[in-house]
Amino acid sequence: MDIATQIEEADIGLCADGFDNFVMYGDLDELRQHSANLKTVGAIKCSQVMDQLLAWLDSAQDRDPLHVLKADPARANALWTQYNEASCEESPLDLAKRKTPPKKRQLPITDREHYDFFGEEDSSRPCQSSGCERGSVKFSVHCRTHHFEKVMRKPCQWND
């Protein structure tokens, strides 16, 4: 999973449930990962709040992290509010999207790659070529064979 997706999922969880879901099972690894991701994308204020939270939870070594949050809800809420404000200011997801290079799409090179690129046929949408009983491919009214012939302007040698 790329860093933008990780940050998005963490932010959705934090906005919906606060810190509770991140510490519910006593494991702080997800919070640590989120803090590291925030630093990577340059969301410094957000990562500082996460570091404060982690320092607080780590200092209570013999206690369950969820109990630590529940024992001092004012402190937990203050940290959550700080994180929320920092997140609105820094927009970590936008920062992450700028750092994550777009995925390059490999374009087909050979005729067979073009044919395969058109994907599976949907039998619930019949091919519109006269006499053809096959289904059409996505974004087309033709089966793979007839779509290939329309796009490539030459006969198709495959029929699978």
C-alpha atoms as a PDB file:
ATOM      1  CA  MET A   1       0.000   0.000   0.000  1.00  0.00           C
ATOM      2  CA  ASP A   2       1.458   3.395  -0.954  1.00  0.00           C
ATOM      3  CA  ILE A   3       2.036   6.158   1.589  1.00  0.00           C
ATOM      4  CA  ALA A   4      -0.891   8.285   0.355  1.00  0.00           C
ATOM      5  CA  THR A   5      -3.313   5.386   0.911  1.00  0.00           C
ATOM      6  CA  GLN A   6      -1.833   4.691   4.353  1.00  0.00           C
ATOM      7  CA  ILE A   7      -2.233   8.342   5.367  1.00  0.00           C
ATOM      8  CA  GLU A   8      -5.760   8.502   3.985  1.00  0.00           C
ATOM      9  CA  GLU A   9      -6.856   5.386   5.892  1.00  0.00           C
ATOM     10  CA  ALA A  10      -5.250   6.629   9.114  1.00  0.00           C
ATOM     11  CA  ASP A  11      -6.822  10.083   8.798  1.00  0.00           C
ATOM     12  CA  ILE A  12     -10.262   8.598   8.158  1.00  0.00           C
ATOM     13  CA  GLY A  13      -9.864   6.479  11.294  1.00  0.00           C
ATOM     14  CA  LEU A  14      -8.629   9.409  13.365  1.00  0.00           C
ATOM     15  CA  CYS A  15     -11.449  11.674  12.222  1.00  0.00           C
ATOM     16  CA  ALA A  16     -14.090   9.026  12.863  1.00  0.00           C
ATOM     17  CA  ASP A  17     -12.880   7.473  16.106  1.00  0.00           C
ATOM     18  CA  GLY A  18     -10.078   9.585  17.514  1.00  0.00           C
ATOM     19  CA  PHE A  19      -7.092   7.644  18.804  1.00  0.00           C
ATOM     20  CA  ASP A  20      -9.138   4.771  20.277  1.00  0.00           C
ATOM     21  CA  ASN A  21      -8.989   2.350  17.334  1.00  0.00           C
ATOM     22  CA  PHE A  22      -5.231   2.807  17.019  1.00  0.00           C
ATOM     23  CA  VAL A  23      -4.603   1.757  20.616  1.00  0.00           C
ATOM     24  CA  MET A  24      -7.521  -0.612  21.216  1.00  0.00           C
ATOM     25  CA  TYR A  25      -5.389  -3.756  21.123  1.00  0.00           C
ATOM     26  CA  GLY A  26      -2.426  -2.358  23.012  1.00  0.00           C
ATOM     27  CA  ASP A  27      -0.242  -2.194  19.896  1.00  0.00           C
ATOM     28  CA  LEU A  28       1.174   1.208  19.010  1.00  0.00           C
ATOM     29  CA  ASP A  29       2.821   0.118  15.746  1.00  0.00           C
ATOM     30  CA  GLU A  30       0.129   1.692  13.548  1.00  0.00           C
ATOM     31  CA  LEU A  31       0.479   5.019  15.373  1.00  0.00           C
ATOM     32  CA  ARG A  32       4.256   4.842  15.014  1.00  0.00           C
ATOM     33  CA  GLN A  33       3.913   4.066  11.297  1.00  0.00           C
ATOM     34  CA  HIS A  34       1.482   6.950  10.841  1.00  0.00           C
ATOM     35  CA  SER A  35       3.863   9.316  12.615  1.00  0.00           C
ATOM     36  CA  ALA A  36       6.735   8.162  10.377  1.00  0.00           C
ATOM     37  CA  ASN A  37       4.560   8.589   7.267  1.00  0.00           C
ATOM     38  CA  LEU A  38       3.630  12.114   8.353  1.00  0.00           C
ATOM     39  CA  LYS A  39       7.312  13.004   8.733  1.00  0.00           C
ATOM     40  CA  THR A  40       8.076  11.507   5.315  1.00  0.00           C
ATOM     41  CA  VAL A  41       5.531  13.715   3.552  1.00  0.00           C
ATOM     42  CA  GLY A  42       6.451  16.829   5.536  1.00  0.00           C
ATOM     43  CA  ALA A  43       3.398  17.089   7.813  1.00  0.00           C
ATOM     44  CA  ILE A  44       5.608  18.199  10.711  1.00  0.00           C
ATOM     45  CA  LYS A  45       2.919  19.596  13.038  1.00  0.00           C
ATOM     46  CA  CYS A  46       0.822  16.442  12.677  1.00  0.00           C
ATOM     47  CA  SER A  47       3.819  14.207  13.353  1.00  0.00           C
ATOM     48  CA  GLN A  48       4.729  16.291  16.430  1.00  0.00           C
ATOM     49  CA  VAL A  49       1.260  15.694  17.887  1.00  0.00           C
ATOM     50  CA  MET A  50       1.594  11.964  17.147  1.00  0.00           C
ATOM     51  CA  ASP A  51       4.992  11.967  18.870  1.00  0.00           C
ATOM     52  CA  GLN A  52       3.477  13.668  21.948  1.00  0.00           C
ATOM     53  CA  LEU A  53       0.743  11.051  22.050  1.00  0.00           C
ATOM     54  CA  LEU A  54       3.241   8.201  21.674  1.00  0.00           C
ATOM     55  CA  ALA A  55       5.498   9.639  24.394  1.00  0.00           C
ATOM     56  CA  TRP A  56       2.517   9.861  26.743  1.00  0.00           C
ATOM     57  CA  LEU A  57       1.374   6.293  26.010  1.00  0.00           C
ATOM     58  CA  ASP A  58       4.933   4.918  26.196  1.00  0.00           C
ATOM     59  CA  SER A  59       5.483   6.554  29.593  1.00  0.00           C
ATOM     60  CA  ALA A  60       2.702   4.406  31.034  1.00  0.00           C
ATOM     61  CA  GLN A  61       4.591   1.181  30.308  1.00  0.00           C
ATOM     62  CA  ASP A  62       2.542  -1.129  32.501  1.00  0.00           C
ATOM     63  CA  ARG A  63      -0.856   0.135  31.409  1.00  0.00           C
ATOM     64  CA  ASP A  64      -2.995  -0.620  28.418  1.00  0.00           C
ATOM     65  CA  PRO A  65      -2.869   2.396  26.025  1.00  0.00           C
ATOM     66  CA  LEU A  66      -6.668   2.507  25.747  1.00  0.00           C
ATOM     67  CA  HIS A  67      -6.923   2.735  29.551  1.00  0.00           C
ATOM     68  CA  VAL A  68      -4.393   5.578  29.516  1.00  0.00           C
ATOM     69  CA  LEU A  69      -6.584   7.518  27.080  1.00  0.00           C
ATOM     70  CA  LYS A  70      -9.746   6.770  29.072  1.00  0.00           C
ATOM     71  CA  ALA A  71      -8.105   7.744  32.366  1.00  0.00           C
ATOM     72  CA  ASP A  72      -7.371  11.265  31.088  1.00  0.00           C
ATOM     73  CA  PRO A  73      -9.975  12.096  28.439  1.00  0.00           C
ATOM     74  CA  ALA A  74      -9.239  15.837  28.603  1.00  0.00           C
ATOM     75  CA  ARG A  75      -5.599  15.251  27.617  1.00  0.00           C
ATOM     76  CA  ALA A  76      -6.590  12.759  24.913  1.00  0.00           C
ATOM     77  CA  ASN A  77      -9.161  15.194  23.524  1.00  0.00           C
ATOM     78  CA  ALA A  78      -6.654  18.070  23.596  1.00  0.00           C
ATOM     79  CA  LEU A  79      -4.161  16.014  21.579  1.00  0.00           C
ATOM     80  CA  TRP A  80      -6.858  14.936  19.150  1.00  0.00           C
ATOM     81  CA  THR A  81      -7.918  18.589  18.706  1.00  0.00           C
ATOM     82  CA  GLN A  82      -4.296  19.600  18.099  1.00  0.00           C
ATOM     83  CA  TYR A  83      -3.927  16.833  15.550  1.00  0.00           C
ATOM     84  CA  ASN A  84      -7.175  17.808  13.833  1.00  0.00           C
ATOM     85  CA  GLU A  85      -6.101  21.461  13.590  1.00  0.00           C
ATOM     86  CA  ALA A  86      -2.641  20.505  12.318  1.00  0.00           C
ATOM     87  CA  SER A  87      -4.183  18.122   9.796  1.00  0.00           C
ATOM     88  CA  CYS A  88      -6.501  20.845   8.473  1.00  0.00           C
ATOM     89  CA  GLU A  89      -3.555  23.236   8.205  1.00  0.00           C
ATOM     90  CA  GLU A  90      -1.014  20.859   6.661  1.00  0.00           C
ATOM     91  CA  SER A  91      -3.327  18.529   4.719  1.00  0.00           C
ATOM     92  CA  PRO A  92      -1.131  15.400   4.999  1.00  0.00           C
ATOM     93  CA  LEU A  93      -3.055  13.537   2.298  1.00  0.00           C
ATOM     94  CA  ASP A  94      -2.387  16.279  -0.247  1.00  0.00           C
ATOM     95  CA  LEU A  95       1.277  16.298   0.756  1.00  0.00           C
ATOM     96  CA  ALA A  96       1.410  12.510   0.359  1.00  0.00           C
ATOM     97  CA  LYS A  97      -0.226  12.619  -3.064  1.00  0.00           C
ATOM     98  CA  ARG A  98       2.412  15.093  -4.244  1.00  0.00           C
ATOM     99  CA  LYS A  99       5.190  12.782  -2.995  1.00  0.00           C
ATOM    100  CA  THR A 100       3.674   9.627  -4.502  1.00  0.00           C
ATOM    101  CA  PRO A 101       4.553   9.379  -8.192  1.00  0.00           C
ATOM    102  CA  PRO A 102       1.637   8.481 -10.444  1.00  0.00           C
ATOM    103  CA  LYS A 103       1.593   4.888 -11.597  1.00  0.00           C
ATOM    104  CA  LYS A 104       2.836   4.514 -15.144  1.00  0.00           C
ATOM    105  CA  ARG A 105       0.522   2.585 -17.376  1.00  0.00           C
ATOM    106  CA  GLN A 106       2.262   0.157 -19.683  1.00  0.00           C
ATOM    107  CA  LEU A 107       0.795   0.577 -23.136  1.00  0.00           C
ATOM    108  CA  PRO A 108       0.509  -2.486 -25.358  1.00  0.00           C
ATOM    109  CA  ILE A 109       3.253  -2.957 -27.934  1.00  0.00           C
ATOM    110  CA  THR A 110       2.484  -6.110 -29.914  1.00  0.00           C
ATOM    111  CA  ASP A 111      -0.788  -6.926 -31.644  1.00  0.00           C
ATOM    112  CA  ARG A 112      -1.431  -9.683 -29.106  1.00  0.00           C
ATOM    113  CA  GLU A 113      -0.870  -7.249 -26.236  1.00  0.00           C
ATOM    114  CA  HIS A 114      -3.406  -4.907 -27.827  1.00  0.00           C
ATOM    115  CA  TYR A 115      -5.873  -7.773 -28.134  1.00  0.00           C
ATOM    116  CA  ASP A 116      -5.349  -8.811 -24.486  1.00  0.00           C
ATOM    117  CA  PHE A 117      -5.471  -5.175 -23.337  1.00  0.00           C
ATOM    118  CA  PHE A 118      -9.164  -4.959 -24.302  1.00  0.00           C
ATOM    119  CA  GLY A 119      -9.996  -7.328 -21.458  1.00  0.00           C
ATOM    120  CA  GLU A 120     -12.739  -9.847 -20.856  1.00  0.00           C
ATOM    121  CA  GLU A 121     -15.989  -9.941 -22.792  1.00  0.00           C
ATOM    122  CA  ASP A 122     -19.317  -9.403 -21.038  1.00  0.00           C
ATOM    123  CA  SER A 123     -21.846 -11.899 -22.389  1.00  0.00           C
ATOM    124  CA  SER A 124     -24.730  -9.828 -20.997  1.00  0.00           C
ATOM    125  CA  ARG A 125     -23.829  -7.133 -23.555  1.00  0.00           C
ATOM    126  CA  PRO A 126     -23.759  -8.812 -27.007  1.00  0.00           C
ATOM    127  CA  CYS A 127     -21.285  -7.740 -29.673  1.00  0.00           C
ATOM    128  CA  GLN A 128     -22.952  -5.412 -32.178  1.00  0.00           C
ATOM    129  CA  SER A 129     -21.133  -6.826 -35.205  1.00  0.00           C
ATOM    130  CA  SER A 130     -23.559  -8.579 -37.543  1.00  0.00           C
ATOM    131  CA  GLY A 131     -23.751 -12.311 -36.878  1.00  0.00           C
ATOM    132  CA  CYS A 132     -21.431 -12.264 -33.831  1.00  0.00           C
ATOM    133  CA  GLU A 133     -22.699 -14.056 -30.727  1.00  0.00           C
ATOM    134  CA  ARG A 134     -19.881 -13.058 -28.360  1.00  0.00           C
ATOM    135  CA  GLY A 135     -20.082 -10.479 -25.593  1.00  0.00           C
ATOM    136  CA  SER A 136     -18.636  -6.985 -25.817  1.00  0.00           C
ATOM    137  CA  VAL A 137     -15.551  -5.681 -24.018  1.00  0.00           C
ATOM    138  CA  LYS A 138     -15.656  -2.777 -21.572  1.00  0.00           C
ATOM    139  CA  PHE A 139     -16.079   0.653 -23.219  1.00  0.00           C
ATOM    140  CA  SER A 140     -17.012  -0.916 -26.552  1.00  0.00           C
ATOM    141  CA  VAL A 141     -20.014  -2.380 -28.335  1.00  0.00           C
ATOM    142  CA  HIS A 142     -17.859  -5.121 -29.884  1.00  0.00           C
ATOM    143  CA  CYS A 143     -16.189  -8.344 -28.781  1.00  0.00           C
ATOM    144  CA  ARG A 144     -12.394  -8.384 -28.484  1.00  0.00           C
ATOM    145  CA  THR A 145     -11.919  -9.639 -32.031  1.00  0.00           C
ATOM    146  CA  HIS A 146     -14.153  -7.030 -33.661  1.00  0.00           C
ATOM    147  CA  HIS A 147     -12.897  -4.257 -31.380  1.00  0.00           C
ATOM    148  CA  PHE A 148      -9.314  -5.149 -32.339  1.00  0.00           C
ATOM    149  CA  GLU A 149     -10.232  -4.964 -36.030  1.00  0.00           C
ATOM    150  CA  LYS A 150     -11.906  -1.555 -35.582  1.00  0.00           C
ATOM    151  CA  VAL A 151      -9.035  -0.072 -33.556  1.00  0.00           C
ATOM    152  CA  MET A 152      -6.092  -1.627 -35.416  1.00  0.00           C
ATOM    153  CA  ARG A 153      -7.740  -1.496 -38.869  1.00  0.00           C
ATOM    154  CA  LYS A 154      -6.582  -4.946 -39.804  1.00  0.00           C
ATOM    155  CA  PRO A 155      -7.900  -8.499 -39.455  1.00  0.00           C
ATOM    156  CA  CYS A 156      -7.574 -10.116 -36.034  1.00  0.00           C
ATOM    157  CA  GLN A 157      -5.829 -13.471 -35.913  1.00  0.00           C
ATOM    158  CA  TRP A 158      -7.190 -14.458 -32.477  1.00  0.00           C
ATOM    159  CA  ASN A 159     -10.593 -15.595 -31.430  1.00  0.00           C
ATOM    160  CA  ASP A 160     -10.157 -16.525 -27.771  1.00  0.00           C
END
